[in-house]
Amino acid sequence: GADKVSVNSAAIADHSLIKDGSTEFGNQCVMLSIDHKIGSSGSQEVFTNNGSSTTGMSPLDWALRGQELGAGEILLTSIDSEGSQNGFDLETIAQVSDAVDIPVIAAGGAGTLADLVSAINVGHASAVAAASIFHFTDQSVIKAHSYMKQAGIDVRMS
């Protein structure tokens, strides 16, 4: 009954999870979750196992490979920004969003409603994910929808 399945560390270990899932159920059902942070090389690297193991791949390379394997969507999470409320990693979001033909959801770092808009307008993400902004500030999903709509972003208002 699941509409989508998100794969992360397991997909790096076994690429067939993406390919087989998209073949069997359609690529719209397979979301590739990419966790990244600055690695020992000083650049963004994809990490697995809750950020404890580096893969040596860049988020861009893994996003392109994931799309090629059949992923229909990407959840791109900056481990360095996650929970910080200091804003999204707009550079990496834009790099990935501009390179792939599938939707990218930006995650990790939203601290203000303006950050949500920047992830879309500057980072070219198709959507945003946020948590800490709603848990630890006076912001709400209703306020976020309204703010984003006022900024000209197409959002569903219920």
N, C-alpha and C. Protein backbone atom coordinates (compact mmCIF):
# COMPACT_ATOMS: atom_id res chain seq x y z
N GLY A 1 0.79 -1.21 0.00
CA GLY A 1 0.00 0.00 0.00
C GLY A 1 0.83 1.27 0.00
N ALA A 2 2.15 1.17 0.08
CA ALA A 2 2.98 2.38 0.09
C ALA A 2 2.95 3.05 -1.28
N ASP A 3 2.90 4.37 -1.28
CA ASP A 3 2.92 5.13 -2.53
C ASP A 3 4.35 5.36 -3.00
N LYS A 4 5.28 5.52 -2.04
CA LYS A 4 6.69 5.74 -2.35
C LYS A 4 7.53 4.98 -1.34
N VAL A 5 8.72 4.62 -1.77
CA VAL A 5 9.71 4.03 -0.88
C VAL A 5 10.99 4.83 -1.03
N SER A 6 11.58 5.19 0.09
CA SER A 6 12.83 5.92 0.09
C SER A 6 13.96 4.95 0.39
N VAL A 7 14.99 4.98 -0.44
CA VAL A 7 16.15 4.13 -0.24
C VAL A 7 17.38 5.01 -0.07
N ASN A 8 18.28 4.58 0.82
CA ASN A 8 19.47 5.36 1.11
C ASN A 8 20.68 4.44 1.14
N SER A 9 21.17 4.11 2.33
CA SER A 9 22.39 3.30 2.47
C SER A 9 22.29 1.98 1.73
N ALA A 10 21.15 1.33 1.82
CA ALA A 10 20.98 0.02 1.17
C ALA A 10 21.12 0.14 -0.35
N ALA A 11 20.71 1.26 -0.92
CA ALA A 11 20.80 1.44 -2.38
C ALA A 11 22.25 1.62 -2.83
N ILE A 12 23.07 2.17 -1.97
CA ILE A 12 24.49 2.30 -2.31
C ILE A 12 25.14 0.93 -2.29
N ALA A 13 24.75 0.13 -1.32
CA ALA A 13 25.30 -1.23 -1.22
C ALA A 13 24.79 -2.13 -2.34
N ASP A 14 23.55 -1.88 -2.78
CA ASP A 14 22.93 -2.73 -3.80
C ASP A 14 22.10 -1.86 -4.74
N HIS A 15 22.73 -1.41 -5.83
CA HIS A 15 22.07 -0.51 -6.79
C HIS A 15 20.80 -1.12 -7.38
N SER A 16 20.70 -2.44 -7.36
CA SER A 16 19.52 -3.07 -7.96
C SER A 16 18.23 -2.72 -7.22
N LEU A 17 18.32 -2.25 -5.98
CA LEU A 17 17.12 -1.82 -5.26
C LEU A 17 16.40 -0.71 -6.02
N ILE A 18 17.17 0.22 -6.57
CA ILE A 18 16.57 1.32 -7.33
C ILE A 18 16.03 0.79 -8.66
N LYS A 19 16.87 0.09 -9.38
CA LYS A 19 16.48 -0.40 -10.71
C LYS A 19 15.30 -1.35 -10.63
N ASP A 20 15.36 -2.34 -9.76
CA ASP A 20 14.28 -3.31 -9.65
C ASP A 20 12.99 -2.67 -9.15
N GLY A 21 13.11 -1.77 -8.19
CA GLY A 21 11.93 -1.09 -7.67
C GLY A 21 11.24 -0.24 -8.71
N SER A 22 12.02 0.50 -9.48
CA SER A 22 11.42 1.36 -10.50
C SER A 22 10.84 0.54 -11.65
N THR A 23 11.48 -0.59 -11.97
CA THR A 23 10.96 -1.45 -13.03
C THR A 23 9.64 -2.08 -12.60
N GLU A 24 9.60 -2.55 -11.37
CA GLU A 24 8.41 -3.24 -10.86
C GLU A 24 7.24 -2.29 -10.57
N PHE A 25 7.53 -1.13 -9.98
CA PHE A 25 6.46 -0.26 -9.49
C PHE A 25 6.38 1.10 -10.17
N GLY A 26 7.35 1.44 -11.01
CA GLY A 26 7.42 2.75 -11.64
C GLY A 26 8.36 3.66 -10.89
N ASN A 27 9.08 4.50 -11.62
CA ASN A 27 10.08 5.33 -10.96
C ASN A 27 9.48 6.36 -10.01
N GLN A 28 8.20 6.70 -10.17
CA GLN A 28 7.57 7.65 -9.26
C GLN A 28 7.45 7.09 -7.85
N CYS A 29 7.64 5.80 -7.69
CA CYS A 29 7.54 5.15 -6.38
C CYS A 29 8.88 5.03 -5.67
N VAL A 30 9.97 5.35 -6.35
CA VAL A 30 11.30 5.16 -5.77
C VAL A 30 11.97 6.51 -5.54
N MET A 31 12.19 6.83 -4.27
CA MET A 31 12.87 8.06 -3.90
C MET A 31 14.27 7.71 -3.41
N LEU A 32 15.26 8.30 -4.02
CA LEU A 32 16.64 8.12 -3.59
C LEU A 32 16.94 9.19 -2.54
N SER A 33 17.25 8.75 -1.34
CA SER A 33 17.61 9.66 -0.25
C SER A 33 19.13 9.75 -0.20
N ILE A 34 19.64 10.97 -0.34
CA ILE A 34 21.08 11.20 -0.36
C ILE A 34 21.45 12.08 0.84
N ASP A 35 22.24 11.52 1.74
CA ASP A 35 22.77 12.27 2.88
C ASP A 35 24.20 12.67 2.55
N HIS A 36 24.51 13.94 2.72
CA HIS A 36 25.86 14.41 2.38
C HIS A 36 26.38 15.39 3.41
N LYS A 37 27.69 15.45 3.48
CA LYS A 37 28.37 16.43 4.33
C LYS A 37 29.79 16.61 3.81
N ILE A 38 30.48 17.58 4.38
CA ILE A 38 31.86 17.80 3.97
C ILE A 38 32.69 16.64 4.50
N GLY A 39 33.39 15.99 3.58
CA GLY A 39 34.22 14.85 3.92
C GLY A 39 35.67 15.24 4.16
N SER A 40 36.51 14.26 4.31
CA SER A 40 37.93 14.50 4.57
C SER A 40 38.61 15.21 3.40
N SER A 41 38.02 15.12 2.21
CA SER A 41 38.58 15.79 1.04
C SER A 41 38.31 17.30 1.06
N GLY A 42 37.41 17.72 1.97
CA GLY A 42 37.06 19.14 2.03
C GLY A 42 35.89 19.49 1.13
N SER A 43 35.36 18.52 0.43
CA SER A 43 34.20 18.76 -0.44
C SER A 43 33.03 17.89 0.01
N GLN A 44 31.88 18.15 -0.56
CA GLN A 44 30.68 17.39 -0.21
C GLN A 44 30.81 15.94 -0.66
N GLU A 45 30.51 15.02 0.25
CA GLU A 45 30.55 13.59 -0.05
C GLU A 45 29.27 12.95 0.46
N VAL A 46 28.85 11.89 -0.20
CA VAL A 46 27.69 11.11 0.24
C VAL A 46 28.14 10.20 1.37
N PHE A 47 27.33 10.18 2.44
CA PHE A 47 27.60 9.33 3.59
C PHE A 47 26.45 8.36 3.78
N THR A 48 26.74 7.22 4.37
CA THR A 48 25.72 6.22 4.68
C THR A 48 25.75 5.93 6.18
N ASN A 49 24.86 5.04 6.58
CA ASN A 49 24.82 4.57 7.96
C ASN A 49 24.77 5.73 8.96
N ASN A 50 23.75 6.58 8.79
CA ASN A 50 23.55 7.73 9.67
C ASN A 50 24.74 8.68 9.70
N GLY A 51 25.39 8.84 8.56
CA GLY A 51 26.49 9.78 8.44
C GLY A 51 27.82 9.28 8.96
N SER A 52 27.93 7.99 9.23
CA SER A 52 29.17 7.46 9.81
C SER A 52 30.14 6.88 8.79
N SER A 53 29.68 6.60 7.58
CA SER A 53 30.54 5.98 6.57
C SER A 53 30.52 6.79 5.28
N THR A 54 31.69 7.18 4.82
CA THR A 54 31.77 7.91 3.56
C THR A 54 31.76 6.92 2.39
N THR A 55 31.24 7.40 1.28
CA THR A 55 31.21 6.59 0.07
C THR A 55 32.28 7.04 -0.92
N GLY A 56 32.80 8.25 -0.72
CA GLY A 56 33.75 8.81 -1.66
C GLY A 56 33.08 9.42 -2.88
N MET A 57 31.75 9.32 -2.95
CA MET A 57 31.00 9.89 -4.09
C MET A 57 30.51 11.29 -3.76
N SER A 58 30.41 12.11 -4.77
CA SER A 58 29.80 13.42 -4.59
C SER A 58 28.29 13.27 -4.68
N PRO A 59 27.53 14.17 -4.04
CA PRO A 59 26.08 14.12 -4.17
C PRO A 59 25.63 14.20 -5.62
N LEU A 60 26.31 15.00 -6.42
CA LEU A 60 25.96 15.14 -7.83
C LEU A 60 26.13 13.81 -8.57
N ASP A 61 27.28 13.17 -8.38
CA ASP A 61 27.52 11.90 -9.06
C ASP A 61 26.49 10.84 -8.66
N TRP A 62 26.17 10.75 -7.37
CA TRP A 62 25.21 9.74 -6.92
C TRP A 62 23.80 10.07 -7.41
N ALA A 63 23.45 11.36 -7.44
CA ALA A 63 22.14 11.76 -7.95
C ALA A 63 21.98 11.39 -9.42
N LEU A 64 23.00 11.67 -10.21
CA LEU A 64 22.95 11.33 -11.64
C LEU A 64 22.87 9.82 -11.83
N ARG A 65 23.64 9.07 -11.06
CA ARG A 65 23.62 7.61 -11.16
C ARG A 65 22.27 7.07 -10.69
N GLY A 66 21.75 7.62 -9.61
CA GLY A 66 20.44 7.19 -9.11
C GLY A 66 19.34 7.44 -10.13
N GLN A 67 19.38 8.60 -10.78
CA GLN A 67 18.40 8.89 -11.83
C GLN A 67 18.53 7.88 -12.97
N GLU A 68 19.76 7.59 -13.36
CA GLU A 68 20.02 6.63 -14.43
C GLU A 68 19.49 5.23 -14.06
N LEU A 69 19.61 4.88 -12.80
CA LEU A 69 19.13 3.57 -12.32
C LEU A 69 17.60 3.51 -12.24
N GLY A 70 16.95 4.66 -12.22
CA GLY A 70 15.49 4.67 -12.22
C GLY A 70 14.81 5.40 -11.09
N ALA A 71 15.57 6.06 -10.20
CA ALA A 71 14.92 6.83 -9.14
C ALA A 71 14.06 7.92 -9.76
N GLY A 72 12.90 8.15 -9.18
CA GLY A 72 11.99 9.16 -9.70
C GLY A 72 12.01 10.46 -8.93
N GLU A 73 12.74 10.47 -7.82
CA GLU A 73 12.78 11.65 -6.96
C GLU A 73 14.00 11.52 -6.06
N ILE A 74 14.51 12.67 -5.61
CA ILE A 74 15.67 12.68 -4.72
C ILE A 74 15.35 13.51 -3.49
N LEU A 75 15.64 12.94 -2.33
CA LEU A 75 15.61 13.68 -1.07
C LEU A 75 17.06 13.97 -0.72
N LEU A 76 17.45 15.23 -0.79
CA LEU A 76 18.84 15.64 -0.63
C LEU A 76 19.01 16.31 0.74
N THR A 77 19.70 15.63 1.65
CA THR A 77 19.83 16.12 3.02
C THR A 77 21.27 16.45 3.35
N SER A 78 21.48 17.68 3.79
CA SER A 78 22.79 18.10 4.26
C SER A 78 22.91 17.72 5.73
N ILE A 79 23.78 16.78 6.02
CA ILE A 79 24.01 16.36 7.40
C ILE A 79 24.59 17.52 8.21
N ASP A 80 25.48 18.31 7.59
CA ASP A 80 26.09 19.44 8.29
C ASP A 80 25.05 20.49 8.69
N SER A 81 24.00 20.65 7.90
CA SER A 81 22.99 21.66 8.17
C SER A 81 21.80 21.14 8.96
N GLU A 82 21.60 19.83 8.94
CA GLU A 82 20.43 19.22 9.58
C GLU A 82 20.29 19.65 11.03
N GLY A 83 19.12 20.19 11.36
CA GLY A 83 18.83 20.60 12.73
C GLY A 83 19.47 21.90 13.16
N SER A 84 20.30 22.51 12.31
CA SER A 84 21.04 23.72 12.69
C SER A 84 20.19 24.98 12.62
N GLN A 85 19.18 24.97 11.77
CA GLN A 85 18.36 26.14 11.50
C GLN A 85 19.18 27.32 10.96
N ASN A 86 20.30 27.00 10.29
CA ASN A 86 21.18 28.03 9.72
C ASN A 86 21.02 28.17 8.22
N GLY A 87 20.00 27.55 7.65
CA GLY A 87 19.78 27.64 6.21
C GLY A 87 20.24 26.40 5.49
N PHE A 88 19.70 26.22 4.31
CA PHE A 88 20.02 25.07 3.47
C PHE A 88 21.39 25.22 2.80
N ASP A 89 21.96 24.13 2.35
CA ASP A 89 23.18 24.13 1.55
C ASP A 89 22.75 24.40 0.11
N LEU A 90 22.54 25.67 -0.20
CA LEU A 90 21.98 26.06 -1.49
C LEU A 90 22.87 25.69 -2.66
N GLU A 91 24.18 25.72 -2.45
CA GLU A 91 25.10 25.40 -3.54
C GLU A 91 24.93 23.95 -4.00
N THR A 92 24.90 23.02 -3.05
CA THR A 92 24.75 21.61 -3.41
C THR A 92 23.35 21.34 -3.96
N ILE A 93 22.35 21.96 -3.37
CA ILE A 93 20.98 21.78 -3.86
C ILE A 93 20.87 22.23 -5.31
N ALA A 94 21.41 23.39 -5.63
CA ALA A 94 21.35 23.90 -7.00
C ALA A 94 22.15 23.02 -7.95
N GLN A 95 23.31 22.57 -7.51
CA GLN A 95 24.15 21.71 -8.36
C GLN A 95 23.38 20.45 -8.75
N VAL A 96 22.75 19.81 -7.77
CA VAL A 96 22.02 18.57 -8.05
C VAL A 96 20.74 18.87 -8.83
N SER A 97 19.97 19.84 -8.38
CA SER A 97 18.70 20.17 -9.04
C SER A 97 18.87 20.54 -10.50
N ASP A 98 19.93 21.27 -10.80
CA ASP A 98 20.17 21.71 -12.17
C ASP A 98 20.68 20.58 -13.07
N ALA A 99 21.18 19.51 -12.47
CA ALA A 99 21.77 18.43 -13.25
C ALA A 99 20.81 17.28 -13.54
N VAL A 100 19.82 17.09 -12.70
CA VAL A 100 18.91 15.96 -12.88
C VAL A 100 17.58 16.41 -13.46
N ASP A 101 16.86 15.46 -14.01
CA ASP A 101 15.55 15.75 -14.62
C ASP A 101 14.40 15.29 -13.73
N ILE A 102 14.70 14.92 -12.50
CA ILE A 102 13.67 14.45 -11.57
C ILE A 102 13.59 15.43 -10.41
N PRO A 103 12.46 15.45 -9.70
CA PRO A 103 12.32 16.39 -8.58
C PRO A 103 13.35 16.15 -7.48
N VAL A 104 13.81 17.27 -6.91
CA VAL A 104 14.73 17.23 -5.77
C VAL A 104 14.04 17.92 -4.60
N ILE A 105 14.02 17.23 -3.46
CA ILE A 105 13.48 17.78 -2.23
C ILE A 105 14.67 18.18 -1.37
N ALA A 106 14.75 19.45 -1.00
CA ALA A 106 15.85 19.95 -0.18
C ALA A 106 15.52 19.72 1.29
N ALA A 107 16.50 19.20 2.04
CA ALA A 107 16.30 18.96 3.47
C ALA A 107 17.56 19.33 4.24
N GLY A 108 17.35 19.77 5.46
CA GLY A 108 18.47 20.06 6.34
C GLY A 108 18.85 21.52 6.41
N GLY A 109 18.38 22.21 7.45
CA GLY A 109 18.84 23.56 7.70
C GLY A 109 17.82 24.66 7.78
N ALA A 110 16.57 24.41 7.45
CA ALA A 110 15.57 25.49 7.45
C ALA A 110 15.45 26.10 8.85
N GLY A 111 15.65 27.41 8.92
CA GLY A 111 15.52 28.12 10.19
C GLY A 111 14.54 29.26 10.11
N THR A 112 14.30 29.73 8.88
CA THR A 112 13.34 30.81 8.66
C THR A 112 12.46 30.44 7.47
N LEU A 113 11.36 31.12 7.37
CA LEU A 113 10.49 30.89 6.21
C LEU A 113 11.19 31.30 4.93
N ALA A 114 12.04 32.30 5.01
CA ALA A 114 12.81 32.74 3.84
C ALA A 114 13.73 31.63 3.36
N ASP A 115 14.24 30.80 4.27
CA ASP A 115 15.08 29.67 3.87
C ASP A 115 14.32 28.72 2.96
N LEU A 116 13.05 28.49 3.25
CA LEU A 116 12.23 27.60 2.43
C LEU A 116 12.13 28.14 1.00
N VAL A 117 11.90 29.43 0.89
CA VAL A 117 11.79 30.08 -0.41
C VAL A 117 13.14 30.04 -1.15
N SER A 118 14.23 30.26 -0.43
CA SER A 118 15.55 30.24 -1.06
C SER A 118 15.88 28.87 -1.63
N ALA A 119 15.48 27.80 -0.94
CA ALA A 119 15.75 26.45 -1.45
C ALA A 119 15.07 26.24 -2.80
N ILE A 120 13.92 26.86 -2.99
CA ILE A 120 13.20 26.74 -4.26
C ILE A 120 13.77 27.72 -5.30
N ASN A 121 13.86 28.99 -4.93
CA ASN A 121 14.26 30.02 -5.89
C ASN A 121 15.75 30.05 -6.21
N VAL A 122 16.59 29.82 -5.22
CA VAL A 122 18.04 29.86 -5.42
C VAL A 122 18.59 28.45 -5.68
N GLY A 123 18.11 27.48 -4.89
CA GLY A 123 18.58 26.10 -5.02
C GLY A 123 17.89 25.31 -6.11
N HIS A 124 16.80 25.85 -6.64
CA HIS A 124 16.03 25.22 -7.71
C HIS A 124 15.43 23.87 -7.31
N ALA A 125 15.25 23.67 -5.99
CA ALA A 125 14.60 22.44 -5.52
C ALA A 125 13.14 22.46 -5.95
N SER A 126 12.57 21.28 -6.09
CA SER A 126 11.15 21.16 -6.42
C SER A 126 10.28 21.27 -5.18
N ALA A 127 10.86 20.95 -4.03
CA ALA A 127 10.13 20.97 -2.76
C ALA A 127 11.14 21.09 -1.63
N VAL A 128 10.62 21.34 -0.43
CA VAL A 128 11.47 21.43 0.75
C VAL A 128 10.91 20.52 1.84
N ALA A 129 11.81 20.05 2.69
CA ALA A 129 11.42 19.30 3.88
C ALA A 129 11.97 20.08 5.07
N ALA A 130 11.21 20.13 6.13
CA ALA A 130 11.64 20.89 7.30
C ALA A 130 11.05 20.27 8.55
N ALA A 131 11.78 20.40 9.65
CA ALA A 131 11.29 19.87 10.92
C ALA A 131 11.60 20.83 12.07
N SER A 132 12.88 21.10 12.32
CA SER A 132 13.27 21.91 13.47
C SER A 132 12.58 23.26 13.50
N ILE A 133 12.41 23.86 12.34
CA ILE A 133 11.74 25.17 12.27
C ILE A 133 10.34 25.10 12.87
N PHE A 134 9.70 23.95 12.76
CA PHE A 134 8.34 23.79 13.30
C PHE A 134 8.35 23.32 14.74
N HIS A 135 9.40 22.62 15.14
CA HIS A 135 9.48 22.12 16.50
C HIS A 135 10.03 23.14 17.49
N PHE A 136 10.95 23.98 17.04
CA PHE A 136 11.69 24.83 17.97
C PHE A 136 11.51 26.33 17.74
N THR A 137 10.59 26.72 16.86
CA THR A 137 10.29 28.14 16.66
C THR A 137 8.77 28.30 16.68
N ASP A 138 8.32 29.52 16.52
CA ASP A 138 6.87 29.76 16.50
C ASP A 138 6.29 29.64 15.09
N GLN A 139 7.05 29.10 14.17
CA GLN A 139 6.55 28.91 12.80
C GLN A 139 5.64 27.68 12.74
N SER A 140 4.79 27.67 11.73
CA SER A 140 3.88 26.54 11.53
C SER A 140 3.82 26.22 10.04
N VAL A 141 3.28 25.06 9.74
CA VAL A 141 3.11 24.68 8.34
C VAL A 141 2.17 25.68 7.65
N ILE A 142 1.16 26.13 8.35
CA ILE A 142 0.22 27.10 7.77
C ILE A 142 0.95 28.40 7.42
N LYS A 143 1.79 28.89 8.33
CA LYS A 143 2.56 30.10 8.06
C LYS A 143 3.52 29.88 6.88
N ALA A 144 4.14 28.70 6.84
CA ALA A 144 5.08 28.40 5.76
C ALA A 144 4.38 28.39 4.42
N HIS A 145 3.24 27.74 4.34
CA HIS A 145 2.47 27.72 3.09
C HIS A 145 2.12 29.13 2.65
N SER A 146 1.62 29.92 3.57
CA SER A 146 1.22 31.28 3.24
C SER A 146 2.42 32.11 2.77
N TYR A 147 3.52 32.01 3.47
CA TYR A 147 4.73 32.76 3.12
C TYR A 147 5.23 32.37 1.73
N MET A 148 5.26 31.08 1.48
CA MET A 148 5.75 30.59 0.19
C MET A 148 4.80 31.00 -0.94
N LYS A 149 3.52 30.95 -0.69
CA LYS A 149 2.54 31.37 -1.71
C LYS A 149 2.72 32.85 -2.02
N GLN A 150 2.88 33.67 -0.97
CA GLN A 150 3.11 35.10 -1.16
C GLN A 150 4.40 35.38 -1.94
N ALA A 151 5.35 34.46 -1.85
CA ALA A 151 6.62 34.61 -2.58
C ALA A 151 6.50 34.10 -4.02
N GLY A 152 5.30 33.66 -4.40
CA GLY A 152 5.07 33.22 -5.77
C GLY A 152 5.34 31.75 -6.03
N ILE A 153 5.49 30.98 -4.97
CA ILE A 153 5.73 29.54 -5.11
C ILE A 153 4.40 28.81 -5.06
N ASP A 154 4.22 27.90 -5.99
CA ASP A 154 2.98 27.12 -6.07
C ASP A 154 2.95 26.12 -4.91
N VAL A 155 2.05 26.32 -3.97
CA VAL A 155 1.88 25.40 -2.84
C VAL A 155 0.41 25.02 -2.72
N ARG A 156 0.19 23.84 -2.19
CA ARG A 156 -1.18 23.40 -1.94
C ARG A 156 -1.63 23.99 -0.61
N MET A 157 -2.72 24.69 -0.66
CA MET A 157 -3.30 25.25 0.57
C MET A 157 -4.55 24.42 0.88
N SER A 158 -4.62 23.91 2.10
CA SER A 158 -5.80 23.11 2.45
C SER A 158 -6.73 23.87 3.36
